[in-house]
Amino acid sequence: YIYLNDVDEDNCPFQYMKGSHTLCYEGRMKKEFDYYYHGQDYYRGDFGHYVSIWAETLIRKYNLERIIAKPKQGTLVLADTRGIHRRTVPKGGERYVATAFF
């Protein structure tokens, strides 16, 4: 993620749950398999990703530490996106981010 403007607590800082890339690997791989094999699940609405309530359940279950980044314009954030990551709920302002996956 390359942040194209400054980010603070109001305009969706980046959250990553420390250690979630290893603790939740099996469940994540099942979700990826289900998504690619069965297609988008319009009834659950998760589209191969953890929806907020599932993420919160895993965060509590594994007592995961939330790392919150409030990057300045031009900051590059690298993350293992197999782990639980997301933005916070917007309270105001704007957030512009360029992303690439490989």
PDB file of N, CA and C in Angstrom:
ATOM      1  N   TYR A   1       0.849  -1.169   0.000  1.00  0.00           N
ATOM      2  CA  TYR A   1       0.000   0.000   0.000  1.00  0.00           C
ATOM      3  C   TYR A   1       0.896   1.232   0.000  1.00  0.00           C
ATOM      4  N   ILE A   2       0.634   2.150  -0.917  1.00  0.00           N
ATOM      5  CA  ILE A   2       1.330   3.433  -0.931  1.00  0.00           C
ATOM      6  C   ILE A   2       0.277   4.491  -0.646  1.00  0.00           C
ATOM      7  N   TYR A   3       0.485   5.215   0.424  1.00  0.00           N
ATOM      8  CA  TYR A   3      -0.493   6.211   0.842  1.00  0.00           C
ATOM      9  C   TYR A   3      -0.247   7.515   0.097  1.00  0.00           C
ATOM     10  N   LEU A   4      -1.296   8.002  -0.547  1.00  0.00           N
ATOM     11  CA  LEU A   4      -1.199   9.188  -1.385  1.00  0.00           C
ATOM     12  C   LEU A   4      -1.594  10.460  -0.645  1.00  0.00           C
ATOM     13  N   ASN A   5      -2.038  10.297   0.588  1.00  0.00           N
ATOM     14  CA  ASN A   5      -2.306  11.435   1.457  1.00  0.00           C
ATOM     15  C   ASN A   5      -2.080  10.992   2.904  1.00  0.00           C
ATOM     16  N   ASP A   6      -1.966  11.954   3.807  1.00  0.00           N
ATOM     17  CA  ASP A   6      -1.790  11.639   5.223  1.00  0.00           C
ATOM     18  C   ASP A   6      -3.029  10.933   5.760  1.00  0.00           C
ATOM     19  N   VAL A   7      -2.807   9.971   6.666  1.00  0.00           N
ATOM     20  CA  VAL A   7      -3.902   9.229   7.274  1.00  0.00           C
ATOM     21  C   VAL A   7      -3.831   9.402   8.790  1.00  0.00           C
ATOM     22  N   ASP A   8      -4.984   9.664   9.393  1.00  0.00           N
ATOM     23  CA  ASP A   8      -5.059   9.722  10.854  1.00  0.00           C
ATOM     24  C   ASP A   8      -6.219   8.846  11.313  1.00  0.00           C
ATOM     25  N   GLU A   9      -6.600   8.950  12.576  1.00  0.00           N
ATOM     26  CA  GLU A   9      -7.639   8.067  13.106  1.00  0.00           C
ATOM     27  C   GLU A   9      -9.011   8.283  12.479  1.00  0.00           C
ATOM     28  N   ASP A  10      -9.222   9.424  11.815  1.00  0.00           N
ATOM     29  CA  ASP A  10     -10.524   9.716  11.216  1.00  0.00           C
ATOM     30  C   ASP A  10     -10.711   9.155   9.811  1.00  0.00           C
ATOM     31  N   ASN A  11      -9.633   9.028   9.044  1.00  0.00           N
ATOM     32  CA  ASN A  11      -9.804   8.627   7.639  1.00  0.00           C
ATOM     33  C   ASN A  11      -9.193   7.249   7.349  1.00  0.00           C
ATOM     34  N   CYS A  12      -9.616   6.294   8.134  1.00  0.00           N
ATOM     35  CA  CYS A  12      -9.373   4.869   7.872  1.00  0.00           C
ATOM     36  C   CYS A  12      -7.925   4.409   7.953  1.00  0.00           C
ATOM     37  N   PRO A  13      -7.294   4.475   9.124  1.00  0.00           N
ATOM     38  CA  PRO A  13      -5.943   3.921   9.208  1.00  0.00           C
ATOM     39  C   PRO A  13      -5.939   2.413   8.957  1.00  0.00           C
ATOM     40  N   PHE A  14      -4.784   1.902   8.570  1.00  0.00           N
ATOM     41  CA  PHE A  14      -4.590   0.493   8.263  1.00  0.00           C
ATOM     42  C   PHE A  14      -4.418  -0.291   9.566  1.00  0.00           C
ATOM     43  N   GLN A  15      -5.113  -1.410   9.680  1.00  0.00           N
ATOM     44  CA  GLN A  15      -4.977  -2.307  10.843  1.00  0.00           C
ATOM     45  C   GLN A  15      -4.472  -3.659  10.370  1.00  0.00           C
ATOM     46  N   TYR A  16      -3.560  -4.220  11.154  1.00  0.00           N
ATOM     47  CA  TYR A  16      -3.086  -5.582  10.908  1.00  0.00           C
ATOM     48  C   TYR A  16      -3.062  -6.296  12.244  1.00  0.00           C
ATOM     49  N   MET A  17      -3.568  -7.528  12.272  1.00  0.00           N
ATOM     50  CA  MET A  17      -3.592  -8.291  13.509  1.00  0.00           C
ATOM     51  C   MET A  17      -2.328  -9.153  13.567  1.00  0.00           C
ATOM     52  N   LYS A  18      -1.438  -8.761  14.459  1.00  0.00           N
ATOM     53  CA  LYS A  18      -0.133  -9.397  14.571  1.00  0.00           C
ATOM     54  C   LYS A  18      -0.272 -10.905  14.809  1.00  0.00           C
ATOM     55  N   GLY A  19       0.419 -11.690  13.992  1.00  0.00           N
ATOM     56  CA  GLY A  19       0.408 -13.143  14.116  1.00  0.00           C
ATOM     57  C   GLY A  19      -0.735 -13.839  13.410  1.00  0.00           C
ATOM     58  N   SER A  20      -1.690 -13.087  12.882  1.00  0.00           N
ATOM     59  CA  SER A  20      -2.866 -13.714  12.270  1.00  0.00           C
ATOM     60  C   SER A  20      -2.525 -14.449  10.979  1.00  0.00           C
ATOM     61  N   HIS A  21      -1.417 -14.127  10.356  1.00  0.00           N
ATOM     62  CA  HIS A  21      -1.033 -14.807   9.117  1.00  0.00           C
ATOM     63  C   HIS A  21      -0.669 -16.267   9.364  1.00  0.00           C
ATOM     64  N   THR A  22      -0.331 -16.636  10.596  1.00  0.00           N
ATOM     65  CA  THR A  22      -0.024 -18.035  10.910  1.00  0.00           C
ATOM     66  C   THR A  22      -1.151 -18.715  11.676  1.00  0.00           C
ATOM     67  N   LEU A  23      -1.766 -18.009  12.591  1.00  0.00           N
ATOM     68  CA  LEU A  23      -2.816 -18.610  13.414  1.00  0.00           C
ATOM     69  C   LEU A  23      -4.064 -18.971  12.631  1.00  0.00           C
ATOM     70  N   CYS A  24      -4.374 -18.206  11.623  1.00  0.00           N
ATOM     71  CA  CYS A  24      -5.625 -18.369  10.902  1.00  0.00           C
ATOM     72  C   CYS A  24      -5.410 -18.961   9.516  1.00  0.00           C
ATOM     73  N   TYR A  25      -4.248 -19.495   9.251  1.00  0.00           N
ATOM     74  CA  TYR A  25      -3.900 -19.931   7.903  1.00  0.00           C
ATOM     75  C   TYR A  25      -4.853 -20.997   7.365  1.00  0.00           C
ATOM     76  N   GLU A  26      -5.149 -22.021   8.168  1.00  0.00           N
ATOM     77  CA  GLU A  26      -5.998 -23.117   7.698  1.00  0.00           C
ATOM     78  C   GLU A  26      -7.390 -22.616   7.317  1.00  0.00           C
ATOM     79  N   GLY A  27      -7.982 -21.810   8.163  1.00  0.00           N
ATOM     80  CA  GLY A  27      -9.309 -21.272   7.869  1.00  0.00           C
ATOM     81  C   GLY A  27      -9.297 -20.359   6.660  1.00  0.00           C
ATOM     82  N   ARG A  28      -8.241 -19.587   6.522  1.00  0.00           N
ATOM     83  CA  ARG A  28      -8.136 -18.675   5.376  1.00  0.00           C
ATOM     84  C   ARG A  28      -8.018 -19.466   4.076  1.00  0.00           C
ATOM     85  N   MET A  29      -7.210 -20.512   4.090  1.00  0.00           N
ATOM     86  CA  MET A  29      -7.039 -21.310   2.881  1.00  0.00           C
ATOM     87  C   MET A  29      -8.358 -21.977   2.474  1.00  0.00           C
ATOM     88  N   LYS A  30      -9.143 -22.410   3.461  1.00  0.00           N
ATOM     89  CA  LYS A  30     -10.446 -22.998   3.149  1.00  0.00           C
ATOM     90  C   LYS A  30     -11.347 -21.958   2.488  1.00  0.00           C
ATOM     91  N   LYS A  31     -11.351 -20.737   3.011  1.00  0.00           N
ATOM     92  CA  LYS A  31     -12.164 -19.683   2.434  1.00  0.00           C
ATOM     93  C   LYS A  31     -11.717 -19.375   1.010  1.00  0.00           C
ATOM     94  N   GLU A  32     -10.394 -19.344   0.785  1.00  0.00           N
ATOM     95  CA  GLU A  32      -9.888 -19.098  -0.573  1.00  0.00           C
ATOM     96  C   GLU A  32     -10.322 -20.222  -1.517  1.00  0.00           C
ATOM     97  N   PHE A  33     -10.190 -21.467  -1.060  1.00  0.00           N
ATOM     98  CA  PHE A  33     -10.598 -22.612  -1.876  1.00  0.00           C
ATOM     99  C   PHE A  33     -12.089 -22.530  -2.202  1.00  0.00           C
ATOM    100  N   ASP A  34     -12.903 -22.288  -1.170  1.00  0.00           N
ATOM    101  CA  ASP A  34     -14.347 -22.185  -1.384  1.00  0.00           C
ATOM    102  C   ASP A  34     -14.683 -21.084  -2.386  1.00  0.00           C
ATOM    103  N   TYR A  35     -13.999 -19.966  -2.277  1.00  0.00           N
ATOM    104  CA  TYR A  35     -14.257 -18.838  -3.168  1.00  0.00           C
ATOM    105  C   TYR A  35     -13.937 -19.205  -4.618  1.00  0.00           C
ATOM    106  N   TYR A  36     -12.751 -19.767  -4.838  1.00  0.00           N
ATOM    107  CA  TYR A  36     -12.347 -20.084  -6.211  1.00  0.00           C
ATOM    108  C   TYR A  36     -13.088 -21.295  -6.776  1.00  0.00           C
ATOM    109  N   TYR A  37     -13.455 -22.230  -5.917  1.00  0.00           N
ATOM    110  CA  TYR A  37     -14.134 -23.431  -6.393  1.00  0.00           C
ATOM    111  C   TYR A  37     -15.637 -23.206  -6.590  1.00  0.00           C
ATOM    112  N   HIS A  38     -16.267 -22.542  -5.616  1.00  0.00           N
ATOM    113  CA  HIS A  38     -17.724 -22.379  -5.631  1.00  0.00           C
ATOM    114  C   HIS A  38     -18.176 -21.003  -6.117  1.00  0.00           C
ATOM    115  N   GLY A  39     -17.280 -20.050  -6.198  1.00  0.00           N
ATOM    116  CA  GLY A  39     -17.654 -18.714  -6.642  1.00  0.00           C
ATOM    117  C   GLY A  39     -18.088 -17.830  -5.486  1.00  0.00           C
ATOM    118  N   GLN A  40     -18.513 -16.658  -5.834  1.00  0.00           N
ATOM    119  CA  GLN A  40     -18.928 -15.690  -4.827  1.00  0.00           C
ATOM    120  C   GLN A  40     -20.168 -16.174  -4.092  1.00  0.00           C
ATOM    121  N   ASP A  41     -20.119 -16.057  -2.792  1.00  0.00           N
ATOM    122  CA  ASP A  41     -21.234 -16.497  -1.954  1.00  0.00           C
ATOM    123  C   ASP A  41     -22.081 -15.274  -1.603  1.00  0.00           C
ATOM    124  N   TYR A  42     -23.110 -15.029  -2.396  1.00  0.00           N
ATOM    125  CA  TYR A  42     -23.925 -13.839  -2.193  1.00  0.00           C
ATOM    126  C   TYR A  42     -24.766 -13.897  -0.925  1.00  0.00           C
ATOM    127  N   TYR A  43     -24.941 -15.085  -0.368  1.00  0.00           N
ATOM    128  CA  TYR A  43     -25.733 -15.205   0.850  1.00  0.00           C
ATOM    129  C   TYR A  43     -24.937 -14.778   2.071  1.00  0.00           C
ATOM    130  N   ARG A  44     -23.655 -15.067   2.098  1.00  0.00           N
ATOM    131  CA  ARG A  44     -22.813 -14.655   3.223  1.00  0.00           C
ATOM    132  C   ARG A  44     -22.147 -13.323   2.954  1.00  0.00           C
ATOM    133  N   GLY A  45     -21.888 -13.014   1.680  1.00  0.00           N
ATOM    134  CA  GLY A  45     -21.301 -11.732   1.318  1.00  0.00           C
ATOM    135  C   GLY A  45     -19.827 -11.603   1.626  1.00  0.00           C
ATOM    136  N   ASP A  46     -19.108 -12.725   1.848  1.00  0.00           N
ATOM    137  CA  ASP A  46     -17.705 -12.589   2.232  1.00  0.00           C
ATOM    138  C   ASP A  46     -16.744 -12.610   1.052  1.00  0.00           C
ATOM    139  N   PHE A  47     -17.149 -13.155  -0.091  1.00  0.00           N
ATOM    140  CA  PHE A  47     -16.359 -13.125  -1.317  1.00  0.00           C
ATOM    141  C   PHE A  47     -14.916 -13.573  -1.113  1.00  0.00           C
ATOM    142  N   GLY A  48     -14.692 -14.601  -0.306  1.00  0.00           N
ATOM    143  CA  GLY A  48     -13.350 -15.125  -0.106  1.00  0.00           C
ATOM    144  C   GLY A  48     -12.558 -14.425   0.979  1.00  0.00           C
ATOM    145  N   HIS A  49     -13.172 -13.469   1.653  1.00  0.00           N
ATOM    146  CA  HIS A  49     -12.483 -12.710   2.696  1.00  0.00           C
ATOM    147  C   HIS A  49     -13.253 -12.821   4.010  1.00  0.00           C
ATOM    148  N   TYR A  50     -12.595 -12.459   5.083  1.00  0.00           N
ATOM    149  CA  TYR A  50     -13.274 -12.425   6.379  1.00  0.00           C
ATOM    150  C   TYR A  50     -14.118 -11.161   6.481  1.00  0.00           C
ATOM    151  N   VAL A  51     -15.402 -11.316   6.767  1.00  0.00           N
ATOM    152  CA  VAL A  51     -16.233 -10.147   7.047  1.00  0.00           C
ATOM    153  C   VAL A  51     -15.934  -9.715   8.478  1.00  0.00           C
ATOM    154  N   SER A  52     -16.327  -8.506   8.830  1.00  0.00           N
ATOM    155  CA  SER A  52     -15.940  -7.914  10.118  1.00  0.00           C
ATOM    156  C   SER A  52     -16.273  -8.784  11.319  1.00  0.00           C
ATOM    157  N   ILE A  53     -17.457  -9.379  11.352  1.00  0.00           N
ATOM    158  CA  ILE A  53     -17.830 -10.159  12.532  1.00  0.00           C
ATOM    159  C   ILE A  53     -16.949 -11.406  12.673  1.00  0.00           C
ATOM    160  N   TRP A  54     -16.554 -12.023  11.547  1.00  0.00           N
ATOM    161  CA  TRP A  54     -15.650 -13.180  11.610  1.00  0.00           C
ATOM    162  C   TRP A  54     -14.266 -12.745  12.059  1.00  0.00           C
ATOM    163  N   ALA A  55     -13.807 -11.612  11.530  1.00  0.00           N
ATOM    164  CA  ALA A  55     -12.497 -11.093  11.926  1.00  0.00           C
ATOM    165  C   ALA A  55     -12.476 -10.807  13.418  1.00  0.00           C
ATOM    166  N   GLU A  56     -13.511 -10.148  13.931  1.00  0.00           N
ATOM    167  CA  GLU A  56     -13.569  -9.838  15.362  1.00  0.00           C
ATOM    168  C   GLU A  56     -13.579 -11.105  16.214  1.00  0.00           C
ATOM    169  N   THR A  57     -14.279 -12.132  15.758  1.00  0.00           N
ATOM    170  CA  THR A  57     -14.316 -13.406  16.478  1.00  0.00           C
ATOM    171  C   THR A  57     -12.916 -14.009  16.559  1.00  0.00           C
ATOM    172  N   LEU A  58     -12.176 -14.007  15.461  1.00  0.00           N
ATOM    173  CA  LEU A  58     -10.820 -14.553  15.460  1.00  0.00           C
ATOM    174  C   LEU A  58      -9.871 -13.706  16.300  1.00  0.00           C
ATOM    175  N   ILE A  59     -10.037 -12.401  16.263  1.00  0.00           N
ATOM    176  CA  ILE A  59      -9.201 -11.501  17.061  1.00  0.00           C
ATOM    177  C   ILE A  59      -9.377 -11.810  18.543  1.00  0.00           C
ATOM    178  N   ARG A  60     -10.610 -11.998  18.977  1.00  0.00           N
ATOM    179  CA  ARG A  60     -10.877 -12.325  20.391  1.00  0.00           C
ATOM    180  C   ARG A  60     -10.402 -13.735  20.734  1.00  0.00           C
ATOM    181  N   LYS A  61     -10.690 -14.701  19.853  1.00  0.00           N
ATOM    182  CA  LYS A  61     -10.333 -16.098  20.107  1.00  0.00           C
ATOM    183  C   LYS A  61      -8.831 -16.263  20.307  1.00  0.00           C
ATOM    184  N   TYR A  62      -8.034 -15.620  19.456  1.00  0.00           N
ATOM    185  CA  TYR A  62      -6.580 -15.765  19.518  1.00  0.00           C
ATOM    186  C   TYR A  62      -5.888 -14.617  20.257  1.00  0.00           C
ATOM    187  N   ASN A  63      -6.673 -13.701  20.815  1.00  0.00           N
ATOM    188  CA  ASN A  63      -6.143 -12.555  21.542  1.00  0.00           C
ATOM    189  C   ASN A  63      -5.082 -11.822  20.701  1.00  0.00           C
ATOM    190  N   LEU A  64      -5.440 -11.506  19.467  1.00  0.00           N
ATOM    191  CA  LEU A  64      -4.506 -10.897  18.532  1.00  0.00           C
ATOM    192  C   LEU A  64      -4.310  -9.419  18.825  1.00  0.00           C
ATOM    193  N   GLU A  65      -3.070  -8.998  18.722  1.00  0.00           N
ATOM    194  CA  GLU A  65      -2.716  -7.590  18.913  1.00  0.00           C
ATOM    195  C   GLU A  65      -2.993  -6.819  17.632  1.00  0.00           C
ATOM    196  N   ARG A  66      -3.669  -5.683  17.781  1.00  0.00           N
ATOM    197  CA  ARG A  66      -3.950  -4.830  16.627  1.00  0.00           C
ATOM    198  C   ARG A  66      -2.795  -3.850  16.435  1.00  0.00           C
ATOM    199  N   ILE A  67      -2.228  -3.859  15.256  1.00  0.00           N
ATOM    200  CA  ILE A  67      -1.225  -2.866  14.892  1.00  0.00           C
ATOM    201  C   ILE A  67      -1.940  -1.862  14.004  1.00  0.00           C
ATOM    202  N   ILE A  68      -1.923  -0.608  14.399  1.00  0.00           N
ATOM    203  CA  ILE A  68      -2.626   0.430  13.652  1.00  0.00           C
ATOM    204  C   ILE A  68      -1.600   1.396  13.073  1.00  0.00           C
ATOM    205  N   ALA A  69      -1.636   1.536  11.753  1.00  0.00           N
ATOM    206  CA  ALA A  69      -0.719   2.435  11.059  1.00  0.00           C
ATOM    207  C   ALA A  69      -1.467   3.681  10.613  1.00  0.00           C
ATOM    208  N   LYS A  70      -0.893   4.832  10.921  1.00  0.00           N
ATOM    209  CA  LYS A  70      -1.432   6.114  10.470  1.00  0.00           C
ATOM    210  C   LYS A  70      -0.357   6.775   9.618  1.00  0.00           C
ATOM    211  N   PRO A  71      -0.172   6.253   8.410  1.00  0.00           N
ATOM    212  CA  PRO A  71       0.948   6.701   7.585  1.00  0.00           C
ATOM    213  C   PRO A  71       0.780   8.106   7.021  1.00  0.00           C
ATOM    214  N   LYS A  72       1.911   8.725   6.774  1.00  0.00           N
ATOM    215  CA  LYS A  72       1.952  10.026   6.107  1.00  0.00           C
ATOM    216  C   LYS A  72       2.008   9.807   4.601  1.00  0.00           C
ATOM    217  N   GLN A  73       1.697  10.824   3.859  1.00  0.00           N
ATOM    218  CA  GLN A  73       1.722  10.759   2.398  1.00  0.00           C
ATOM    219  C   GLN A  73       3.075  10.233   1.920  1.00  0.00           C
ATOM    220  N   GLY A  74       3.032   9.268   0.984  1.00  0.00           N
ATOM    221  CA  GLY A  74       4.244   8.700   0.422  1.00  0.00           C
ATOM    222  C   GLY A  74       4.759   7.472   1.153  1.00  0.00           C
ATOM    223  N   THR A  75       4.133   7.107   2.265  1.00  0.00           N
ATOM    224  CA  THR A  75       4.567   5.947   3.031  1.00  0.00           C
ATOM    225  C   THR A  75       4.193   4.657   2.309  1.00  0.00           C
ATOM    226  N   LEU A  76       5.119   3.705   2.304  1.00  0.00           N
ATOM    227  CA  LEU A  76       4.887   2.380   1.743  1.00  0.00           C
ATOM    228  C   LEU A  76       4.671   1.413   2.904  1.00  0.00           C
ATOM    229  N   VAL A  77       3.560   0.707   2.894  1.00  0.00           N
ATOM    230  CA  VAL A  77       3.258  -0.299   3.909  1.00  0.00           C
ATOM    231  C   VAL A  77       3.227  -1.659   3.223  1.00  0.00           C
ATOM    232  N   LEU A  78       4.079  -2.577   3.682  1.00  0.00           N
ATOM    233  CA  LEU A  78       4.102  -3.945   3.169  1.00  0.00           C
ATOM    234  C   LEU A  78       3.474  -4.849   4.217  1.00  0.00           C
ATOM    235  N   ALA A  79       2.613  -5.760   3.787  1.00  0.00           N
ATOM    236  CA  ALA A  79       1.935  -6.647   4.731  1.00  0.00           C
ATOM    237  C   ALA A  79       1.697  -8.005   4.092  1.00  0.00           C
ATOM    238  N   ASP A  80       1.755  -9.045   4.909  1.00  0.00           N
ATOM    239  CA  ASP A  80       1.362 -10.384   4.488  1.00  0.00           C
ATOM    240  C   ASP A  80      -0.160 -10.410   4.575  1.00  0.00           C
ATOM    241  N   THR A  81      -0.817 -10.246   3.450  1.00  0.00           N
ATOM    242  CA  THR A  81      -2.272 -10.087   3.461  1.00  0.00           C
ATOM    243  C   THR A  81      -3.027 -11.393   3.654  1.00  0.00           C
ATOM    244  N   ARG A  82      -2.297 -12.495   3.912  1.00  0.00           N
ATOM    245  CA  ARG A  82      -2.986 -13.712   4.355  1.00  0.00           C
ATOM    246  C   ARG A  82      -3.491 -13.525   5.777  1.00  0.00           C
ATOM    247  N   GLY A  83      -2.884 -12.597   6.489  1.00  0.00           N
ATOM    248  CA  GLY A  83      -3.326 -12.278   7.844  1.00  0.00           C
ATOM    249  C   GLY A  83      -4.524 -11.357   7.815  1.00  0.00           C
ATOM    250  N   ILE A  84      -5.138 -11.189   8.971  1.00  0.00           N
ATOM    251  CA  ILE A  84      -6.306 -10.316   9.066  1.00  0.00           C
ATOM    252  C   ILE A  84      -5.829  -8.868   8.999  1.00  0.00           C
ATOM    253  N   HIS A  85      -6.309  -8.169   7.996  1.00  0.00           N
ATOM    254  CA  HIS A  85      -5.971  -6.774   7.810  1.00  0.00           C
ATOM    255  C   HIS A  85      -7.210  -6.050   7.300  1.00  0.00           C
ATOM    256  N   ARG A  86      -7.255  -4.781   7.572  1.00  0.00           N
ATOM    257  CA  ARG A  86      -8.412  -3.987   7.156  1.00  0.00           C
ATOM    258  C   ARG A  86      -8.151  -2.523   7.445  1.00  0.00           C
ATOM    259  N   ARG A  87      -9.086  -1.726   7.063  1.00  0.00           N
ATOM    260  CA  ARG A  87      -9.063  -0.319   7.444  1.00  0.00           C
ATOM    261  C   ARG A  87     -10.081  -0.149   8.566  1.00  0.00           C
ATOM    262  N   THR A  88      -9.982   0.929   9.293  1.00  0.00           N
ATOM    263  CA  THR A  88     -10.980   1.198  10.321  1.00  0.00           C
ATOM    264  C   THR A  88     -12.194   1.859   9.681  1.00  0.00           C
ATOM    265  N   VAL A  89     -13.208   2.075  10.458  1.00  0.00           N
ATOM    266  CA  VAL A  89     -14.431   2.722   9.977  1.00  0.00           C
ATOM    267  C   VAL A  89     -14.144   4.211   9.763  1.00  0.00           C
ATOM    268  N   PRO A  90     -14.504   4.739   8.594  1.00  0.00           N
ATOM    269  CA  PRO A  90     -14.240   6.157   8.332  1.00  0.00           C
ATOM    270  C   PRO A  90     -15.084   7.066   9.219  1.00  0.00           C
ATOM    271  N   LYS A  91     -14.442   8.101   9.743  1.00  0.00           N
ATOM    272  CA  LYS A  91     -15.144   9.095  10.551  1.00  0.00           C
ATOM    273  C   LYS A  91     -15.190  10.441   9.841  1.00  0.00           C
ATOM    274  N   GLY A  92     -14.310  10.605   8.879  1.00  0.00           N
ATOM    275  CA  GLY A  92     -14.259  11.855   8.138  1.00  0.00           C
ATOM    276  C   GLY A  92     -13.004  11.912   7.303  1.00  0.00           C
ATOM    277  N   GLY A  93     -12.951  12.888   6.423  1.00  0.00           N
ATOM    278  CA  GLY A  93     -11.783  13.050   5.575  1.00  0.00           C
ATOM    279  C   GLY A  93     -11.759  12.039   4.443  1.00  0.00           C
ATOM    280  N   GLU A  94     -10.641  11.996   3.750  1.00  0.00           N
ATOM    281  CA  GLU A  94     -10.472  11.099   2.617  1.00  0.00           C
ATOM    282  C   GLU A  94      -9.188  10.300   2.786  1.00  0.00           C
ATOM    283  N   ARG A  95      -9.126   9.153   2.102  1.00  0.00           N
ATOM    284  CA  ARG A  95      -7.927   8.318   2.131  1.00  0.00           C
ATOM    285  C   ARG A  95      -7.704   7.801   0.721  1.00  0.00           C
ATOM    286  N   TYR A  96      -6.523   8.068   0.195  1.00  0.00           N
ATOM    287  CA  TYR A  96      -6.174   7.587  -1.133  1.00  0.00           C
ATOM    288  C   TYR A  96      -4.973   6.658  -1.012  1.00  0.00           C
ATOM    289  N   VAL A  97      -5.135   5.442  -1.557  1.00  0.00           N
ATOM    290  CA  VAL A  97      -4.108   4.424  -1.441  1.00  0.00           C
ATOM    291  C   VAL A  97      -3.940   3.722  -2.782  1.00  0.00           C
ATOM    292  N   ALA A  98      -2.696   3.512  -3.185  1.00  0.00           N
ATOM    293  CA  ALA A  98      -2.387   2.700  -4.361  1.00  0.00           C
ATOM    294  C   ALA A  98      -1.971   1.328  -3.847  1.00  0.00           C
ATOM    295  N   THR A  99      -2.515   0.266  -4.440  1.00  0.00           N
ATOM    296  CA  THR A  99      -2.203  -1.097  -3.987  1.00  0.00           C
ATOM    297  C   THR A  99      -1.692  -1.949  -5.139  1.00  0.00           C
ATOM    298  N   ALA A 100      -0.918  -2.946  -4.766  1.00  0.00           N
ATOM    299  CA  ALA A 100      -0.448  -3.938  -5.736  1.00  0.00           C
ATOM    300  C   ALA A 100      -0.330  -5.257  -4.994  1.00  0.00           C
ATOM    301  N   PHE A 101      -0.639  -6.349  -5.681  1.00  0.00           N
ATOM    302  CA  PHE A 101      -0.565  -7.678  -5.081  1.00  0.00           C
ATOM    303  C   PHE A 101       0.319  -8.551  -5.949  1.00  0.00           C
ATOM    304  N   PHE A 102       1.174  -9.338  -5.303  1.00  0.00           N
ATOM    305  CA  PHE A 102       2.010 -10.276  -6.034  1.00  0.00           C
ATOM    306  C   PHE A 102       2.357 -11.458  -5.159  1.00  0.00           C
TER     307      PHE A 102
END
